[in-house]
Amino acid sequence: MADSFSVKDFGPIKNADVRFEDLTILIGPQASGKSLFLELFKLVKDHDNIVSTLKKYNYILGKTPALSLPEYYFGEGLSSLIRQSTEVVANGRNLTKKLTSTAVRASYGSHESVFYVPAQRILSISDGRPKNFMEFDLSTPYVLRFFSETLRVFLQGGLGNPEVIFPMKLRLKNSVKDSINSTIFHNGKVIMDQSGGQRKMKLSIDGMKLPFMTWSAGQKEFMPLLLAIYCLTGPPTSVVRRDDYKWVIIEEPEMGLHPKAIESVIIEVIELMQQGFKVILSTHSSIFI
């Protein structure tokens, strides 16, 4: 059964009505509201978990102005996205009040249902290691802060501090690994190196260990997406409860990638769908169609 989600008068979005199927692709130019629409979708679906997480990190929501939740969630100064005329309806239910409510139901800390891979994901590992939630300031959208924290916890606990992150056994099908190797890493290995006193990703190739910022644009853009795929595939872990997720949102999956490398992403999207996830892609390109 398709889920419907409609939004009126929210930021740059005057009127949007989408029915989400097993695979939904949103295509449009920059600054047309795609990311805000999807962030809004997650806020409505995972409201209690988001509020609980903010409280966990000592953001005081109950004694601040009513629009503090949008400020903390969308980014500093963005509470004005919500107007008196804003309306959000999901599956026929008006859920507009959730956009500012800081109340949490009795099931405190309820689990996420939307795994969100943001467009700015490279910022989560910009120095070769996933940053924790509090390393970002309030100008950073919640979805990026939480995505980075998820990768950090997963890399430390879910993968058991591995020495080699790519290629890894049991995380991807061989056909997918071969495709990623031939189109993105070209027989290089992504390793965790601690020579500088902190465990960071490096690309081991031709006898060299290349720091993250020296990688190609496509390799850097793909790495956090690969870690996200690891979270959702392969042997289950207690760190990321993949069975709780119904939705996977990937923004701009084509970013920085050659068309052949994009095919590798498409293969993995199909794999996620076969596992039962409903996948939503946001893109500037019609190549996914």
Protein backbone atom coordinates (compact mmCIF):
# COMPACT_ATOMS: atom_id res chain seq x y z
CA MET A 1 0.00 0.00 0.00
CA ALA A 2 1.38 3.40 -1.01
CA ASP A 3 1.91 6.11 1.62
CA SER A 4 0.64 9.58 0.80
CA PHE A 5 2.31 12.74 2.04
CA SER A 6 1.15 16.25 1.21
CA VAL A 7 2.62 19.60 2.22
CA LYS A 8 1.24 23.11 1.81
CA ASP A 9 3.01 26.43 2.32
CA PHE A 10 6.22 25.19 3.91
CA GLY A 11 9.31 27.24 3.03
CA PRO A 12 9.66 27.26 -0.78
CA ILE A 13 7.05 24.50 -1.12
CA LYS A 14 3.65 25.91 -1.98
CA ASN A 15 1.89 22.63 -2.64
CA ALA A 16 3.29 19.11 -2.91
CA ASP A 17 1.44 15.80 -2.90
CA VAL A 18 3.45 12.58 -3.23
CA ARG A 19 2.45 8.92 -3.08
CA PHE A 20 5.46 6.82 -2.05
CA GLU A 21 5.80 3.40 -3.65
CA ASP A 22 8.55 0.76 -3.24
CA LEU A 23 10.82 3.13 -5.19
CA THR A 24 10.13 6.85 -5.40
CA ILE A 25 12.38 9.32 -7.22
CA LEU A 26 12.15 13.08 -6.71
CA ILE A 27 13.80 15.05 -9.50
CA GLY A 28 14.30 18.80 -9.53
CA PRO A 29 16.80 21.68 -9.62
CA GLN A 30 18.77 22.97 -6.64
CA ALA A 31 16.86 24.90 -3.96
CA SER A 32 13.49 23.63 -5.17
CA GLY A 33 12.60 22.16 -1.75
CA LYS A 34 13.38 18.44 -2.28
CA SER A 35 15.56 18.14 0.83
CA LEU A 36 13.18 20.16 3.00
CA PHE A 37 10.29 17.98 1.84
CA LEU A 38 12.16 14.79 2.78
CA GLU A 39 13.43 16.20 6.08
CA LEU A 40 9.84 17.09 6.87
CA PHE A 41 8.78 13.54 6.00
CA LYS A 42 11.33 12.17 8.47
CA LEU A 43 10.32 14.65 11.18
CA VAL A 44 6.72 13.47 10.96
CA LYS A 45 7.59 9.76 10.77
CA ASP A 46 10.30 9.79 13.49
CA HIS A 47 9.16 12.71 15.65
CA ASP A 48 9.43 10.98 19.03
CA ASN A 49 12.85 9.53 18.29
CA ILE A 50 14.13 12.93 17.11
CA VAL A 51 12.87 14.75 20.21
CA SER A 52 14.32 12.04 22.45
CA THR A 53 17.69 12.28 20.70
CA LEU A 54 17.84 16.06 21.07
CA LYS A 55 17.04 15.74 24.77
CA LYS A 56 19.71 13.06 25.09
CA TYR A 57 22.26 15.59 23.86
CA ASN A 58 20.99 18.17 26.38
CA TYR A 59 19.03 20.39 24.03
CA ILE A 60 16.38 21.95 26.27
CA LEU A 61 13.16 21.82 24.31
CA GLY A 62 10.43 22.16 26.92
CA LYS A 63 11.18 25.66 28.19
CA THR A 64 12.07 27.41 24.98
CA PRO A 65 9.75 29.06 22.42
CA ALA A 66 7.33 26.85 20.56
CA LEU A 67 9.39 26.91 17.37
CA SER A 68 12.56 25.56 19.01
CA LEU A 69 12.14 22.08 17.52
CA PRO A 70 12.22 23.35 13.90
CA GLU A 71 15.26 25.45 14.84
CA TYR A 72 17.14 22.46 16.20
CA TYR A 73 15.99 20.13 13.45
CA PHE A 74 16.15 22.09 10.18
CA GLY A 75 19.01 24.36 11.24
CA GLU A 76 19.58 27.62 13.01
CA GLY A 77 17.32 30.40 11.76
CA LEU A 78 15.02 28.08 9.80
CA SER A 79 12.01 28.09 12.13
CA SER A 80 10.45 30.61 9.73
CA LEU A 81 9.93 27.77 7.26
CA ILE A 82 6.75 27.02 9.18
CA ARG A 83 3.95 29.54 8.81
CA GLN A 84 0.45 29.83 10.20
CA SER A 85 -0.80 28.47 6.87
CA THR A 86 1.56 25.45 6.80
CA GLU A 87 -0.18 22.11 6.61
CA VAL A 88 1.19 18.56 6.60
CA VAL A 89 -1.02 15.54 5.95
CA ALA A 90 0.19 11.92 5.95
CA ASN A 91 -2.15 9.11 4.92
CA GLY A 92 -5.13 11.37 5.48
CA ARG A 93 -4.05 12.51 8.99
CA ASN A 94 -3.23 16.14 9.67
CA LEU A 95 0.12 16.06 11.49
CA THR A 96 1.03 19.75 11.33
CA LYS A 97 1.26 20.04 15.13
CA LYS A 98 4.13 17.56 15.18
CA LEU A 99 6.36 20.14 13.49
CA THR A 100 6.64 22.16 16.71
CA SER A 101 5.59 19.70 19.41
CA THR A 102 8.24 18.54 21.88
CA ALA A 103 5.95 16.02 23.53
CA VAL A 104 6.90 12.35 23.37
CA ARG A 105 4.46 9.47 23.81
CA ALA A 106 4.86 6.87 26.53
CA SER A 107 7.14 4.84 24.22
CA TYR A 108 9.99 7.22 25.02
CA GLY A 109 12.95 6.87 22.70
CA SER A 110 11.00 4.94 20.08
CA HIS A 111 13.13 3.67 17.23
CA GLU A 112 13.62 5.28 13.85
CA SER A 113 11.69 4.16 10.82
CA VAL A 114 13.49 6.35 8.25
CA PHE A 115 17.19 5.83 7.50
CA TYR A 116 18.25 9.16 5.99
CA VAL A 117 21.40 9.57 3.87
CA PRO A 118 21.77 13.35 3.38
CA ALA A 119 23.28 15.15 0.40
CA GLN A 120 26.00 16.77 2.53
CA ARG A 121 27.16 13.34 3.78
CA ILE A 122 30.80 14.02 2.91
CA LEU A 123 30.88 16.46 5.85
CA SER A 124 30.28 13.53 8.18
CA ILE A 125 33.74 12.11 7.41
CA SER A 126 35.51 15.17 6.02
CA ASP A 127 38.74 14.38 7.87
CA GLY A 128 38.58 10.61 7.39
CA ARG A 129 36.53 9.62 10.45
CA PRO A 130 32.82 9.91 11.26
CA LYS A 131 32.15 12.87 13.57
CA ASN A 132 29.96 12.62 16.63
CA PHE A 133 26.62 14.41 16.93
CA MET A 134 27.93 17.29 19.05
CA GLU A 135 30.84 18.17 16.75
CA PHE A 136 28.34 19.97 14.51
CA ASP A 137 26.80 23.32 15.39
CA LEU A 138 23.12 24.25 15.17
CA SER A 139 23.47 25.49 11.60
CA THR A 140 23.82 21.84 10.54
CA PRO A 141 20.54 20.00 9.82
CA TYR A 142 19.65 17.24 12.26
CA VAL A 143 19.64 14.60 9.51
CA LEU A 144 23.35 15.17 8.85
CA ARG A 145 24.31 15.26 12.53
CA PHE A 146 22.44 12.03 13.24
CA PHE A 147 23.71 10.32 10.09
CA SER A 148 27.29 11.08 11.11
CA GLU A 149 26.70 9.80 14.64
CA THR A 150 25.14 6.60 13.24
CA LEU A 151 28.21 5.97 11.08
CA ARG A 152 30.53 6.66 14.03
CA VAL A 153 28.76 4.21 16.33
CA PHE A 154 28.41 1.61 13.60
CA LEU A 155 32.07 1.82 12.57
CA GLN A 156 33.20 1.43 16.18
CA GLY A 157 30.71 -1.19 17.35
CA GLY A 158 28.82 -2.65 14.43
CA LEU A 159 31.89 -3.55 12.39
CA GLY A 160 34.14 -4.24 15.37
CA ASN A 161 36.94 -1.78 14.53
CA PRO A 162 38.03 -3.48 11.30
CA GLU A 163 41.38 -2.81 9.66
CA VAL A 164 39.90 -2.99 6.13
CA ILE A 165 36.56 -1.32 5.34
CA PHE A 166 36.53 -2.08 1.63
CA PRO A 167 36.42 -4.75 0.40
CA MET A 168 34.73 -6.58 3.28
CA LYS A 169 33.36 -10.09 3.39
CA LEU A 170 29.64 -10.65 3.97
CA ARG A 171 28.63 -6.97 3.67
CA LEU A 172 27.94 -6.88 -0.07
CA LYS A 173 27.28 -9.43 -2.79
CA ASN A 174 30.36 -10.22 -4.85
CA SER A 175 28.83 -8.70 -7.98
CA VAL A 176 28.27 -5.41 -6.14
CA LYS A 177 31.78 -5.44 -4.63
CA ASP A 178 33.30 -6.11 -8.05
CA SER A 179 31.31 -3.27 -9.58
CA ILE A 180 32.35 -0.82 -6.84
CA ASN A 181 35.97 -1.92 -7.11
CA SER A 182 36.16 -1.52 -10.88
CA THR A 183 34.30 1.82 -11.05
CA ILE A 184 35.32 3.62 -7.84
CA PHE A 185 38.31 2.20 -5.92
CA HIS A 186 40.26 0.53 -8.79
CA ASN A 187 41.82 -2.26 -6.70
CA GLY A 188 42.56 0.05 -3.80
CA LYS A 189 41.66 -0.91 -0.22
CA VAL A 190 39.96 1.43 2.24
CA ILE A 191 41.74 0.88 5.54
CA MET A 192 41.63 2.32 9.05
CA ASP A 193 45.02 3.78 9.87
CA GLN A 194 46.16 5.03 13.29
CA SER A 195 49.60 6.34 12.43
CA GLY A 196 48.59 9.90 13.36
CA GLY A 197 47.21 8.92 16.77
CA GLN A 198 43.59 8.74 15.61
CA ARG A 199 41.91 6.04 13.54
CA LYS A 200 41.12 7.52 10.14
CA MET A 201 40.24 6.16 6.73
CA LYS A 202 42.97 5.96 4.14
CA LEU A 203 43.10 4.50 0.64
CA SER A 204 45.82 1.87 0.34
CA ILE A 205 46.86 1.61 -3.30
CA ASP A 206 50.15 1.06 -5.16
CA GLY A 207 52.08 0.93 -1.88
CA MET A 208 50.73 4.30 -0.72
CA LYS A 209 48.33 5.19 2.10
CA LEU A 210 46.37 8.19 0.86
CA PRO A 211 44.59 10.43 3.43
CA PHE A 212 40.90 11.04 2.85
CA MET A 213 41.23 14.59 1.49
CA THR A 214 43.57 13.39 -1.30
CA TRP A 215 41.01 10.94 -2.70
CA SER A 216 39.08 11.70 -5.88
CA ALA A 217 35.81 13.59 -5.50
CA GLY A 218 33.83 10.49 -6.40
CA GLN A 219 35.65 8.30 -3.87
CA LYS A 220 35.07 10.83 -1.09
CA GLU A 221 31.40 11.24 -1.95
CA PHE A 222 30.83 7.50 -2.18
CA MET A 223 32.47 6.48 1.10
CA PRO A 224 29.74 7.67 3.53
CA LEU A 225 27.12 6.17 1.18
CA LEU A 226 28.99 2.86 1.29
CA LEU A 227 29.03 2.94 5.10
CA ALA A 228 25.29 3.61 5.07
CA ILE A 229 24.79 0.59 2.83
CA TYR A 230 26.85 -1.48 5.28
CA CYS A 231 24.48 -0.40 8.05
CA LEU A 232 21.55 -1.86 6.13
CA THR A 233 23.07 -4.99 4.58
CA GLY A 234 25.13 -7.99 5.63
CA PRO A 235 25.10 -9.65 9.06
CA PRO A 236 22.78 -7.86 11.53
CA THR A 237 24.24 -5.96 14.50
CA SER A 238 22.83 -4.59 17.74
CA VAL A 239 24.19 -1.13 16.90
CA VAL A 240 21.89 -0.41 13.94
CA ARG A 241 18.48 -2.04 14.33
CA ARG A 242 17.78 -2.44 10.63
CA ASP A 243 14.52 -4.30 11.23
CA ASP A 244 13.06 -1.07 12.64
CA TYR A 245 13.54 0.75 9.35
CA LYS A 246 10.83 0.89 6.74
CA TRP A 247 12.23 3.72 4.62
CA VAL A 248 15.64 4.54 3.16
CA ILE A 249 16.13 8.07 1.82
CA ILE A 250 19.22 8.76 -0.29
CA GLU A 251 19.79 12.30 -1.47
CA GLU A 252 21.78 12.86 -4.65
CA PRO A 253 23.16 9.30 -4.96
CA GLU A 254 24.85 10.32 -8.21
CA MET A 255 27.00 13.00 -6.57
CA GLY A 256 30.58 12.97 -7.88
CA LEU A 257 30.19 9.62 -9.63
CA HIS A 258 30.91 8.50 -13.19
CA PRO A 259 27.89 6.92 -14.96
CA LYS A 260 29.41 3.44 -14.58
CA ALA A 261 29.81 4.03 -10.86
CA ILE A 262 26.19 5.17 -10.68
CA GLU A 263 25.26 1.72 -11.99
CA SER A 264 26.85 0.28 -8.83
CA VAL A 265 24.59 2.49 -6.73
CA ILE A 266 21.53 1.43 -8.74
CA ILE A 267 22.40 -2.25 -8.14
CA GLU A 268 22.54 -1.60 -4.40
CA VAL A 269 19.25 0.34 -4.46
CA ILE A 270 17.61 -2.69 -6.05
CA GLU A 271 19.17 -4.86 -3.33
CA LEU A 272 17.70 -2.63 -0.62
CA MET A 273 14.27 -2.92 -2.25
CA GLN A 274 14.60 -6.71 -2.38
CA GLN A 275 15.26 -6.63 1.36
CA GLY A 276 11.91 -4.95 1.87
CA PHE A 277 12.92 -1.30 2.30
CA LYS A 278 10.95 1.43 0.58
CA VAL A 279 13.57 3.58 -1.11
CA ILE A 280 13.28 7.30 -1.85
CA LEU A 281 15.89 8.97 -4.07
CA SER A 282 16.30 12.70 -4.45
CA THR A 283 18.31 13.74 -7.48
CA HIS A 284 19.13 16.52 -9.96
CA SER A 285 19.55 14.03 -12.80
CA SER A 286 17.15 11.94 -14.84
CA ILE A 287 19.75 9.14 -15.11
CA PHE A 288 18.00 7.10 -12.41
CA ILE A 289 14.77 7.11 -14.37
